[in-house]
Amino acid sequence: MYKILPIGAVVLLEKALVPLMIVGYLPKGIDEKTRDYMGVPYFVGYTSNDSIRAFNHEDIKKIMFRGNENNMLFNHFMNKLYAENAFKH
């Protein structure tokens, strides 16, 4: 089990040159498989649907910024997702 990262966290994926900022959870990739996170290039942000990347926690090489983990709404949402077993592979 791992700790889910909040919206706004910035991560670097394995074999990536550009960090991503997490902007959502449980997206479907182009192969229709559900992933843990969706992110956009950090600094540039969303420019088109092609700029969105779906990835799993295990794809993260480095967490560059953790974001706001003290947000009560975030904690409530994550507890609900855990209760529904949404984050499992």
N, C-alpha and C. Protein backbone atom coordinates (compact mmCIF):
# COMPACT_ATOMS: atom_id res chain seq x y z
N MET A 1 0.86 -1.18 0.00
CA MET A 1 0.00 0.00 0.00
C MET A 1 0.90 1.24 0.00
N TYR A 2 0.48 2.26 -0.68
CA TYR A 2 1.23 3.51 -0.73
C TYR A 2 0.29 4.65 -0.43
N LYS A 3 0.87 5.77 -0.09
CA LYS A 3 0.06 6.94 0.22
C LYS A 3 -0.26 7.67 -1.08
N ILE A 4 -1.56 7.89 -1.32
CA ILE A 4 -2.00 8.59 -2.52
C ILE A 4 -1.54 10.04 -2.47
N LEU A 5 -1.01 10.52 -3.57
CA LEU A 5 -0.54 11.90 -3.65
C LEU A 5 -1.70 12.84 -3.98
N PRO A 6 -1.68 14.05 -3.43
CA PRO A 6 -2.78 14.99 -3.69
C PRO A 6 -2.67 15.70 -5.03
N ILE A 7 -3.79 16.26 -5.46
CA ILE A 7 -3.79 17.12 -6.64
C ILE A 7 -2.75 18.23 -6.40
N GLY A 8 -1.97 18.52 -7.41
CA GLY A 8 -0.94 19.54 -7.29
C GLY A 8 0.44 18.98 -7.01
N ALA A 9 0.52 17.70 -6.64
CA ALA A 9 1.83 17.09 -6.43
C ALA A 9 2.57 17.05 -7.77
N VAL A 10 3.88 17.21 -7.72
CA VAL A 10 4.70 17.20 -8.93
C VAL A 10 5.62 15.99 -8.85
N VAL A 11 5.60 15.17 -9.90
CA VAL A 11 6.37 13.93 -9.91
C VAL A 11 7.17 13.80 -11.20
N LEU A 12 8.22 13.02 -11.13
CA LEU A 12 8.99 12.67 -12.31
C LEU A 12 8.82 11.17 -12.51
N LEU A 13 8.40 10.78 -13.69
CA LEU A 13 8.19 9.36 -13.99
C LEU A 13 9.48 8.73 -14.49
N GLU A 14 9.55 7.39 -14.37
CA GLU A 14 10.68 6.66 -14.94
C GLU A 14 10.80 7.00 -16.42
N LYS A 15 12.00 7.18 -16.90
CA LYS A 15 12.29 7.45 -18.32
C LYS A 15 11.65 8.74 -18.83
N ALA A 16 11.35 9.68 -17.94
CA ALA A 16 10.74 10.95 -18.36
C ALA A 16 11.74 12.09 -18.15
N LEU A 17 11.63 13.10 -18.98
CA LEU A 17 12.46 14.28 -18.84
C LEU A 17 11.71 15.45 -18.21
N VAL A 18 10.39 15.45 -18.39
CA VAL A 18 9.56 16.55 -17.92
C VAL A 18 8.69 16.08 -16.76
N PRO A 19 8.71 16.80 -15.63
CA PRO A 19 7.85 16.42 -14.51
C PRO A 19 6.37 16.63 -14.85
N LEU A 20 5.51 15.91 -14.15
CA LEU A 20 4.07 16.05 -14.31
C LEU A 20 3.45 16.55 -13.01
N MET A 21 2.41 17.37 -13.13
CA MET A 21 1.64 17.77 -11.98
C MET A 21 0.35 16.95 -11.99
N ILE A 22 0.04 16.33 -10.86
CA ILE A 22 -1.16 15.51 -10.76
C ILE A 22 -2.38 16.42 -10.77
N VAL A 23 -3.32 16.09 -11.67
CA VAL A 23 -4.54 16.89 -11.81
C VAL A 23 -5.81 16.06 -11.64
N GLY A 24 -5.66 14.75 -11.43
CA GLY A 24 -6.86 13.93 -11.25
C GLY A 24 -6.51 12.50 -10.90
N TYR A 25 -7.55 11.73 -10.64
CA TYR A 25 -7.41 10.34 -10.21
C TYR A 25 -8.21 9.40 -11.08
N LEU A 26 -7.72 8.18 -11.17
CA LEU A 26 -8.40 7.05 -11.81
C LEU A 26 -8.83 7.29 -13.26
N PRO A 27 -7.93 7.86 -14.07
CA PRO A 27 -8.27 8.03 -15.49
C PRO A 27 -8.10 6.71 -16.24
N LYS A 28 -8.72 6.63 -17.37
CA LYS A 28 -8.50 5.48 -18.27
C LYS A 28 -7.46 5.89 -19.29
N GLY A 29 -6.47 5.03 -19.49
CA GLY A 29 -5.45 5.29 -20.49
C GLY A 29 -5.99 4.99 -21.88
N ILE A 30 -5.15 5.20 -22.89
CA ILE A 30 -5.60 4.95 -24.26
C ILE A 30 -5.90 3.47 -24.48
N ASP A 31 -5.38 2.60 -23.61
CA ASP A 31 -5.66 1.17 -23.71
C ASP A 31 -6.90 0.78 -22.89
N GLU A 32 -7.60 1.80 -22.36
CA GLU A 32 -8.83 1.62 -21.57
C GLU A 32 -8.59 1.02 -20.18
N LYS A 33 -7.34 0.90 -19.74
CA LYS A 33 -7.04 0.44 -18.39
C LYS A 33 -7.04 1.63 -17.45
N THR A 34 -7.59 1.44 -16.26
CA THR A 34 -7.63 2.51 -15.27
C THR A 34 -6.27 2.64 -14.60
N ARG A 35 -5.80 3.87 -14.50
CA ARG A 35 -4.53 4.17 -13.83
C ARG A 35 -4.82 4.90 -12.52
N ASP A 36 -3.78 5.11 -11.71
CA ASP A 36 -3.93 5.80 -10.43
C ASP A 36 -4.11 7.31 -10.59
N TYR A 37 -3.34 7.91 -11.49
CA TYR A 37 -3.29 9.36 -11.60
C TYR A 37 -3.39 9.82 -13.05
N MET A 38 -3.75 11.10 -13.19
CA MET A 38 -3.56 11.77 -14.47
C MET A 38 -2.79 13.06 -14.19
N GLY A 39 -1.90 13.39 -15.11
CA GLY A 39 -1.07 14.57 -14.90
C GLY A 39 -0.82 15.31 -16.19
N VAL A 40 -0.37 16.54 -16.03
CA VAL A 40 0.00 17.38 -17.17
C VAL A 40 1.42 17.88 -16.95
N PRO A 41 2.12 18.24 -18.03
CA PRO A 41 3.49 18.72 -17.89
C PRO A 41 3.57 19.91 -16.92
N TYR A 42 4.52 19.83 -15.99
CA TYR A 42 4.68 20.89 -15.01
C TYR A 42 5.29 22.12 -15.66
N PHE A 43 4.78 23.24 -15.31
CA PHE A 43 5.03 24.59 -15.82
C PHE A 43 4.15 24.88 -17.02
N VAL A 44 4.07 23.97 -17.99
CA VAL A 44 3.27 24.22 -19.19
C VAL A 44 1.79 24.01 -18.89
N GLY A 45 1.45 22.91 -18.20
CA GLY A 45 0.06 22.61 -17.88
C GLY A 45 -0.68 22.01 -19.06
N TYR A 46 -1.99 22.08 -19.01
CA TYR A 46 -2.84 21.51 -20.04
C TYR A 46 -2.80 22.39 -21.28
N THR A 47 -2.43 21.80 -22.40
CA THR A 47 -2.44 22.52 -23.67
C THR A 47 -3.42 21.89 -24.66
N SER A 48 -3.65 20.59 -24.52
CA SER A 48 -4.62 19.85 -25.34
C SER A 48 -4.80 18.49 -24.68
N ASN A 49 -5.74 17.70 -25.17
CA ASN A 49 -5.92 16.36 -24.61
C ASN A 49 -4.66 15.51 -24.73
N ASP A 50 -3.82 15.82 -25.71
CA ASP A 50 -2.58 15.08 -25.89
C ASP A 50 -1.56 15.35 -24.78
N SER A 51 -1.75 16.41 -24.02
CA SER A 51 -0.79 16.73 -22.95
C SER A 51 -1.09 15.97 -21.66
N ILE A 52 -2.23 15.30 -21.58
CA ILE A 52 -2.60 14.55 -20.38
C ILE A 52 -1.94 13.17 -20.40
N ARG A 53 -1.36 12.78 -19.27
CA ARG A 53 -0.74 11.47 -19.13
C ARG A 53 -1.42 10.71 -18.00
N ALA A 54 -1.74 9.43 -18.24
CA ALA A 54 -2.28 8.55 -17.21
C ALA A 54 -1.14 7.65 -16.73
N PHE A 55 -1.00 7.49 -15.42
CA PHE A 55 0.11 6.69 -14.90
C PHE A 55 -0.23 6.11 -13.52
N ASN A 56 0.52 5.10 -13.14
CA ASN A 56 0.35 4.46 -11.84
C ASN A 56 1.42 4.94 -10.86
N HIS A 57 1.14 4.76 -9.60
CA HIS A 57 2.08 5.19 -8.56
C HIS A 57 3.45 4.53 -8.75
N GLU A 58 3.45 3.29 -9.16
CA GLU A 58 4.71 2.57 -9.33
C GLU A 58 5.56 3.13 -10.47
N ASP A 59 4.98 3.95 -11.34
CA ASP A 59 5.74 4.58 -12.44
C ASP A 59 6.53 5.80 -11.98
N ILE A 60 6.28 6.25 -10.76
CA ILE A 60 6.93 7.46 -10.25
C ILE A 60 8.36 7.15 -9.82
N LYS A 61 9.28 7.91 -10.39
CA LYS A 61 10.70 7.78 -10.03
C LYS A 61 11.04 8.68 -8.85
N LYS A 62 10.48 9.90 -8.86
CA LYS A 62 10.80 10.88 -7.81
C LYS A 62 9.60 11.77 -7.56
N ILE A 63 9.32 12.02 -6.30
CA ILE A 63 8.29 12.99 -5.91
C ILE A 63 9.00 14.31 -5.67
N MET A 64 8.72 15.29 -6.51
CA MET A 64 9.41 16.57 -6.43
C MET A 64 8.71 17.55 -5.49
N PHE A 65 7.38 17.43 -5.40
CA PHE A 65 6.58 18.29 -4.52
C PHE A 65 5.34 17.50 -4.15
N ARG A 66 5.04 17.41 -2.87
CA ARG A 66 3.94 16.56 -2.41
C ARG A 66 2.58 17.24 -2.48
N GLY A 67 2.51 18.55 -2.55
CA GLY A 67 1.20 19.21 -2.59
C GLY A 67 0.60 19.36 -1.21
N ASN A 68 -0.66 19.74 -1.17
CA ASN A 68 -1.35 20.03 0.08
C ASN A 68 -2.01 18.76 0.63
N GLU A 69 -1.35 18.10 1.56
CA GLU A 69 -1.88 16.88 2.15
C GLU A 69 -2.69 17.15 3.42
N ASN A 70 -2.77 18.38 3.84
CA ASN A 70 -3.52 18.72 5.05
C ASN A 70 -4.93 19.21 4.76
N ASN A 71 -5.37 19.04 3.55
CA ASN A 71 -6.68 19.49 3.13
C ASN A 71 -7.74 18.49 3.59
N MET A 72 -8.72 18.93 4.37
CA MET A 72 -9.76 18.03 4.89
C MET A 72 -10.57 17.40 3.76
N LEU A 73 -10.85 18.14 2.70
CA LEU A 73 -11.61 17.60 1.59
C LEU A 73 -10.82 16.49 0.89
N PHE A 74 -9.53 16.71 0.69
CA PHE A 74 -8.67 15.69 0.09
C PHE A 74 -8.69 14.41 0.93
N ASN A 75 -8.51 14.55 2.24
CA ASN A 75 -8.49 13.39 3.13
C ASN A 75 -9.82 12.64 3.08
N HIS A 76 -10.93 13.35 3.07
CA HIS A 76 -12.25 12.72 2.99
C HIS A 76 -12.39 11.95 1.68
N PHE A 77 -11.99 12.56 0.56
CA PHE A 77 -12.09 11.92 -0.75
C PHE A 77 -11.22 10.67 -0.82
N MET A 78 -10.01 10.75 -0.31
CA MET A 78 -9.11 9.60 -0.34
C MET A 78 -9.63 8.46 0.53
N ASN A 79 -10.17 8.78 1.70
CA ASN A 79 -10.75 7.74 2.55
C ASN A 79 -11.91 7.04 1.85
N LYS A 80 -12.70 7.80 1.13
CA LYS A 80 -13.83 7.22 0.39
C LYS A 80 -13.33 6.30 -0.73
N LEU A 81 -12.31 6.72 -1.46
CA LEU A 81 -11.76 5.88 -2.52
C LEU A 81 -11.15 4.60 -1.95
N TYR A 82 -10.44 4.71 -0.82
CA TYR A 82 -9.89 3.52 -0.18
C TYR A 82 -11.00 2.57 0.24
N ALA A 83 -12.07 3.11 0.81
CA ALA A 83 -13.19 2.28 1.26
C ALA A 83 -13.83 1.54 0.08
N GLU A 84 -13.85 2.15 -1.09
CA GLU A 84 -14.43 1.54 -2.27
C GLU A 84 -13.40 0.68 -3.02
N ASN A 85 -12.20 0.55 -2.46
CA ASN A 85 -11.12 -0.22 -3.09
C ASN A 85 -10.80 0.25 -4.50
N ALA A 86 -10.88 1.53 -4.72
CA ALA A 86 -10.62 2.08 -6.06
C ALA A 86 -9.15 1.96 -6.44
N PHE A 87 -8.27 2.05 -5.45
CA PHE A 87 -6.83 2.01 -5.72
C PHE A 87 -6.29 0.61 -5.47
N LYS A 88 -6.50 -0.24 -6.44
CA LYS A 88 -5.94 -1.60 -6.36
C LYS A 88 -5.57 -2.01 -7.77
N HIS A 89 -4.61 -2.89 -7.86
CA HIS A 89 -4.15 -3.36 -9.18
C HIS A 89 -4.27 -4.85 -9.23
